[in-house]
Structure formats: C-alpha cells, structure tokens
C-alpha cells in the first residue's frame, strides 16, 4: 500500500506560498507558508499535519487494541501536541505528546492502560519517530 501527497512552492522562503494536496483529495491545494508555520497565517503547516496524522493513527490503534481485549470504545478523543524547536541541527520535532480521553464500557484502568501503551508503541506514526523523538502519553478513562 502506498499513499501520496504533493506540495507546490512559489517564491522565496518568507514571501513565498505553497499548497499541499493529498491523494484522497481531502487536502486539495491547501495553503501553507512561512507565516502558517512560524507565525499566525491562515493555512496549515507540516507539523500540524504530523499532529493530525499521529492523533488519528494512535486513536485507530487504540480502538484495535481495545478490540483485542474484547472491549468496544464508546468514544476515543486524542489530541497530539507537536513540539517544534530550533536545535543545533536546525528546526526539529523534538517531542509529541498524546492526550486521550476515552469512554470504554467495562474497561478496567489496567486493561485500558495496557491497550493505550500498546497502541502508542505499535502505531506506525509512533514507530516512525522511535529513537528520534520523545513520544509521551496521558490516557485516561472518562
């Protein structure tokens, strides 16, 4: 399975603008620029897209892990916060923090924590960052 996305950029770094599009069409010439990345411009940026991808990936993985434990979530809500800093090597994603709140009928704290940790460690986006970026998790049953 292969997924694709494309980016187009016109102009210099600070005054230029770009667009991002995805194979599915969900993103179609979505604006991004220096101001959307480092200031308060309108549009998206790569770090926001990484956060969205990680939140979605982890939440789907958590649903699968709960299913493996014969538990069906009523709701799972995850926020991913990406820390983007200038390091000696240049701008870098240095950490990602996942915050999840879940309603899972019949789940014990222990079973939920095991499922959440397994999802964090097994989700493909978490594995992408393994060894390079700290991924932390705050998962609680509601």
C-alpha atoms as a PDB file:
ATOM      1  CA  UNK A   1       0.000   0.000   0.000  1.00  0.00           C
ATOM      2  CA  UNK A   2       1.334   3.393  -0.933  1.00  0.00           C
ATOM      3  CA  UNK A   3      -0.121   6.822  -0.170  1.00  0.00           C
ATOM      4  CA  UNK A   4       0.949  10.014  -1.888  1.00  0.00           C
ATOM      5  CA  UNK A   5       0.744  13.726  -1.308  1.00  0.00           C
ATOM      6  CA  UNK A   6       2.242  16.627  -3.188  1.00  0.00           C
ATOM      7  CA  UNK A   7       3.491  20.113  -2.434  1.00  0.00           C
ATOM      8  CA  UNK A   8       3.998  23.117  -4.702  1.00  0.00           C
ATOM      9  CA  UNK A   9       6.018  26.181  -3.607  1.00  0.00           C
ATOM     10  CA  UNK A  10       6.369  29.517  -5.385  1.00  0.00           C
ATOM     11  CA  UNK A  11       8.725  32.277  -4.292  1.00  0.00           C
ATOM     12  CA  UNK A  12      11.313  32.736  -1.572  1.00  0.00           C
ATOM     13  CA  UNK A  13      11.058  31.378   1.944  1.00  0.00           C
ATOM     14  CA  UNK A  14       9.403  34.289   3.750  1.00  0.00           C
ATOM     15  CA  UNK A  15       7.305  35.841   0.998  1.00  0.00           C
ATOM     16  CA  UNK A  16       6.549  32.648  -0.907  1.00  0.00           C
ATOM     17  CA  UNK A  17       3.491  30.471  -0.629  1.00  0.00           C
ATOM     18  CA  UNK A  18       2.753  26.856  -1.234  1.00  0.00           C
ATOM     19  CA  UNK A  19      -0.036  24.345  -1.451  1.00  0.00           C
ATOM     20  CA  UNK A  20      -0.333  20.774  -0.256  1.00  0.00           C
ATOM     21  CA  UNK A  21      -2.627  18.173  -1.832  1.00  0.00           C
ATOM     22  CA  UNK A  22      -3.333  14.573  -0.871  1.00  0.00           C
ATOM     23  CA  UNK A  23      -4.133  11.537  -2.983  1.00  0.00           C
ATOM     24  CA  UNK A  24      -7.572  11.225  -1.370  1.00  0.00           C
ATOM     25  CA  UNK A  25      -8.467  14.821  -2.194  1.00  0.00           C
ATOM     26  CA  UNK A  26      -9.093  15.704   1.451  1.00  0.00           C
ATOM     27  CA  UNK A  27      -6.289  18.217   1.073  1.00  0.00           C
ATOM     28  CA  UNK A  28      -6.611  19.965  -2.255  1.00  0.00           C
ATOM     29  CA  UNK A  29      -4.255  22.865  -2.815  1.00  0.00           C
ATOM     30  CA  UNK A  30      -4.369  23.659   0.913  1.00  0.00           C
ATOM     31  CA  UNK A  31      -2.298  26.755   1.616  1.00  0.00           C
ATOM     32  CA  UNK A  32       0.882  26.739   3.648  1.00  0.00           C
ATOM     33  CA  UNK A  33       3.590  29.364   4.026  1.00  0.00           C
ATOM     34  CA  UNK A  34       6.272  30.724   6.317  1.00  0.00           C
ATOM     35  CA  UNK A  35       3.582  32.602   8.244  1.00  0.00           C
ATOM     36  CA  UNK A  36       1.435  29.466   8.719  1.00  0.00           C
ATOM     37  CA  UNK A  37       4.471  27.648  10.062  1.00  0.00           C
ATOM     38  CA  UNK A  38       6.138  30.269  12.253  1.00  0.00           C
ATOM     39  CA  UNK A  39       3.509  32.970  12.777  1.00  0.00           C
ATOM     40  CA  UNK A  40      -0.291  33.148  12.701  1.00  0.00           C
ATOM     41  CA  UNK A  41      -1.044  32.880   8.994  1.00  0.00           C
ATOM     42  CA  UNK A  42      -4.106  31.187   7.544  1.00  0.00           C
ATOM     43  CA  UNK A  43      -3.418  27.689   6.281  1.00  0.00           C
ATOM     44  CA  UNK A  44      -1.657  24.605   7.566  1.00  0.00           C
ATOM     45  CA  UNK A  45       1.933  23.537   8.166  1.00  0.00           C
ATOM     46  CA  UNK A  46       3.851  20.258   8.185  1.00  0.00           C
ATOM     47  CA  UNK A  47       3.906  19.999  11.991  1.00  0.00           C
ATOM     48  CA  UNK A  48       0.128  20.419  12.248  1.00  0.00           C
ATOM     49  CA  UNK A  49      -0.299  17.672   9.665  1.00  0.00           C
ATOM     50  CA  UNK A  50       2.070  15.404  11.640  1.00  0.00           C
ATOM     51  CA  UNK A  51      -0.003  16.082  14.785  1.00  0.00           C
ATOM     52  CA  UNK A  52      -3.230  15.212  12.943  1.00  0.00           C
ATOM     53  CA  UNK A  53      -1.688  12.059  11.483  1.00  0.00           C
ATOM     54  CA  UNK A  54      -0.387  10.932  14.879  1.00  0.00           C
ATOM     55  CA  UNK A  55      -3.680  11.625  16.677  1.00  0.00           C
ATOM     56  CA  UNK A  56      -5.588   9.670  14.030  1.00  0.00           C
ATOM     57  CA  UNK A  57      -3.134   6.789  13.874  1.00  0.00           C
ATOM     58  CA  UNK A  58      -2.892   6.367  17.639  1.00  0.00           C
ATOM     59  CA  UNK A  59      -6.670   6.567  18.141  1.00  0.00           C
ATOM     60  CA  UNK A  60      -7.308   3.917  15.489  1.00  0.00           C
ATOM     61  CA  UNK A  61      -4.575   1.715  17.018  1.00  0.00           C
ATOM     62  CA  UNK A  62      -6.135   2.155  20.480  1.00  0.00           C
ATOM     63  CA  UNK A  63      -9.511   1.041  19.121  1.00  0.00           C
ATOM     64  CA  UNK A  64      -7.827  -2.066  17.699  1.00  0.00           C
ATOM     65  CA  UNK A  65      -6.015  -2.804  20.970  1.00  0.00           C
ATOM     66  CA  UNK A  66      -9.251  -2.444  22.945  1.00  0.00           C
ATOM     67  CA  UNK A  67     -10.957  -4.777  20.457  1.00  0.00           C
ATOM     68  CA  UNK A  68      -8.207  -7.327  21.055  1.00  0.00           C
ATOM     69  CA  UNK A  69      -9.187  -7.166  24.746  1.00  0.00           C
ATOM     70  CA  UNK A  70     -12.874  -7.673  23.826  1.00  0.00           C
ATOM     71  CA  UNK A  71     -13.686  -4.052  24.662  1.00  0.00           C
ATOM     72  CA  UNK A  72     -15.581  -1.677  22.384  1.00  0.00           C
ATOM     73  CA  UNK A  73     -14.986   2.028  22.932  1.00  0.00           C
ATOM     74  CA  UNK A  74     -17.984   4.329  23.069  1.00  0.00           C
ATOM     75  CA  UNK A  75     -15.658   7.226  22.269  1.00  0.00           C
ATOM     76  CA  UNK A  76     -11.947   7.948  21.990  1.00  0.00           C
ATOM     77  CA  UNK A  77     -10.686  11.542  21.736  1.00  0.00           C
ATOM     78  CA  UNK A  78      -6.992  12.237  21.174  1.00  0.00           C
ATOM     79  CA  UNK A  79      -5.040  15.458  20.864  1.00  0.00           C
ATOM     80  CA  UNK A  80      -1.438  15.356  19.634  1.00  0.00           C
ATOM     81  CA  UNK A  81       0.827  18.278  20.520  1.00  0.00           C
ATOM     82  CA  UNK A  82       3.998  18.554  18.453  1.00  0.00           C
ATOM     83  CA  UNK A  83       6.977  20.398  19.930  1.00  0.00           C
ATOM     84  CA  UNK A  84       8.918  22.091  17.120  1.00  0.00           C
ATOM     85  CA  UNK A  85      12.198  23.687  18.201  1.00  0.00           C
ATOM     86  CA  UNK A  86      15.398  25.063  16.780  1.00  0.00           C
ATOM     87  CA  UNK A  87      18.262  22.787  17.765  1.00  0.00           C
ATOM     88  CA  UNK A  88      21.937  22.768  16.815  1.00  0.00           C
ATOM     89  CA  UNK A  89      20.952  20.589  13.845  1.00  0.00           C
ATOM     90  CA  UNK A  90      18.189  23.013  12.762  1.00  0.00           C
ATOM     91  CA  UNK A  91      14.421  23.071  13.313  1.00  0.00           C
ATOM     92  CA  UNK A  92      13.337  19.701  14.664  1.00  0.00           C
ATOM     93  CA  UNK A  93      10.267  17.972  16.043  1.00  0.00           C
ATOM     94  CA  UNK A  94      11.660  17.179  19.489  1.00  0.00           C
ATOM     95  CA  UNK A  95       8.582  15.719  21.187  1.00  0.00           C
ATOM     96  CA  UNK A  96       4.993  14.666  20.634  1.00  0.00           C
ATOM     97  CA  UNK A  97       2.516  14.418  23.489  1.00  0.00           C
ATOM     98  CA  UNK A  98      -0.695  12.439  23.039  1.00  0.00           C
ATOM     99  CA  UNK A  99      -3.638  13.202  25.323  1.00  0.00           C
ATOM    100  CA  UNK A 100      -6.527  10.742  25.145  1.00  0.00           C
ATOM    101  CA  UNK A 101      -9.843  10.640  26.920  1.00  0.00           C
ATOM    102  CA  UNK A 102     -11.887   7.509  26.473  1.00  0.00           C
ATOM    103  CA  UNK A 103     -15.287   6.074  27.305  1.00  0.00           C
ATOM    104  CA  UNK A 104     -14.944   2.326  27.238  1.00  0.00           C
ATOM    105  CA  UNK A 105     -17.757   0.398  28.937  1.00  0.00           C
ATOM    106  CA  UNK A 106     -16.445  -2.481  31.044  1.00  0.00           C
ATOM    107  CA  UNK A 107     -12.780  -1.459  30.817  1.00  0.00           C
ATOM    108  CA  UNK A 108     -10.622  -1.606  33.912  1.00  0.00           C
ATOM    109  CA  UNK A 109      -7.890   1.004  34.403  1.00  0.00           C
ATOM    110  CA  UNK A 110      -5.298  -1.732  33.964  1.00  0.00           C
ATOM    111  CA  UNK A 111      -6.752  -3.100  30.706  1.00  0.00           C
ATOM    112  CA  UNK A 112      -7.142   0.407  29.322  1.00  0.00           C
ATOM    113  CA  UNK A 113      -3.583   1.417  30.244  1.00  0.00           C
ATOM    114  CA  UNK A 114      -2.195  -1.737  28.624  1.00  0.00           C
ATOM    115  CA  UNK A 115      -4.183  -1.075  25.445  1.00  0.00           C
ATOM    116  CA  UNK A 116      -3.098   2.583  25.381  1.00  0.00           C
ATOM    117  CA  UNK A 117       0.601   1.767  25.827  1.00  0.00           C
ATOM    118  CA  UNK A 118       0.414  -0.972  23.176  1.00  0.00           C
ATOM    119  CA  UNK A 119      -1.258   1.495  20.790  1.00  0.00           C
ATOM    120  CA  UNK A 120       1.361   4.170  21.480  1.00  0.00           C
ATOM    121  CA  UNK A 121       4.203   1.734  20.862  1.00  0.00           C
ATOM    122  CA  UNK A 122       2.605  -0.003  17.875  1.00  0.00           C
ATOM    123  CA  UNK A 123       1.039   2.829  15.892  1.00  0.00           C
ATOM    124  CA  UNK A 124       3.006   3.359  12.647  1.00  0.00           C
ATOM    125  CA  UNK A 125       3.401   7.099  13.255  1.00  0.00           C
ATOM    126  CA  UNK A 126       4.804   6.484  16.768  1.00  0.00           C
ATOM    127  CA  UNK A 127       7.189   3.916  15.287  1.00  0.00           C
ATOM    128  CA  UNK A 128       8.265   6.470  12.682  1.00  0.00           C
ATOM    129  CA  UNK A 129       9.567   8.700  15.476  1.00  0.00           C
ATOM    130  CA  UNK A 130      11.054   5.905  17.614  1.00  0.00           C
ATOM    131  CA  UNK A 131      14.592   6.721  18.693  1.00  0.00           C
ATOM    132  CA  UNK A 132      14.444  10.265  17.305  1.00  0.00           C
ATOM    133  CA  UNK A 133      11.583  12.000  19.085  1.00  0.00           C
ATOM    134  CA  UNK A 134      10.123  11.554  22.551  1.00  0.00           C
ATOM    135  CA  UNK A 135       6.503  10.394  22.376  1.00  0.00           C
ATOM    136  CA  UNK A 136       4.584  10.720  25.657  1.00  0.00           C
ATOM    137  CA  UNK A 137       1.037   9.713  26.524  1.00  0.00           C
ATOM    138  CA  UNK A 138      -1.603  10.837  29.004  1.00  0.00           C
ATOM    139  CA  UNK A 139      -4.521   8.397  28.595  1.00  0.00           C
ATOM    140  CA  UNK A 140      -7.492   8.388  30.942  1.00  0.00           C
ATOM    141  CA  UNK A 141     -10.849   6.706  31.084  1.00  0.00           C
ATOM    142  CA  UNK A 142     -13.699   9.203  31.431  1.00  0.00           C
END
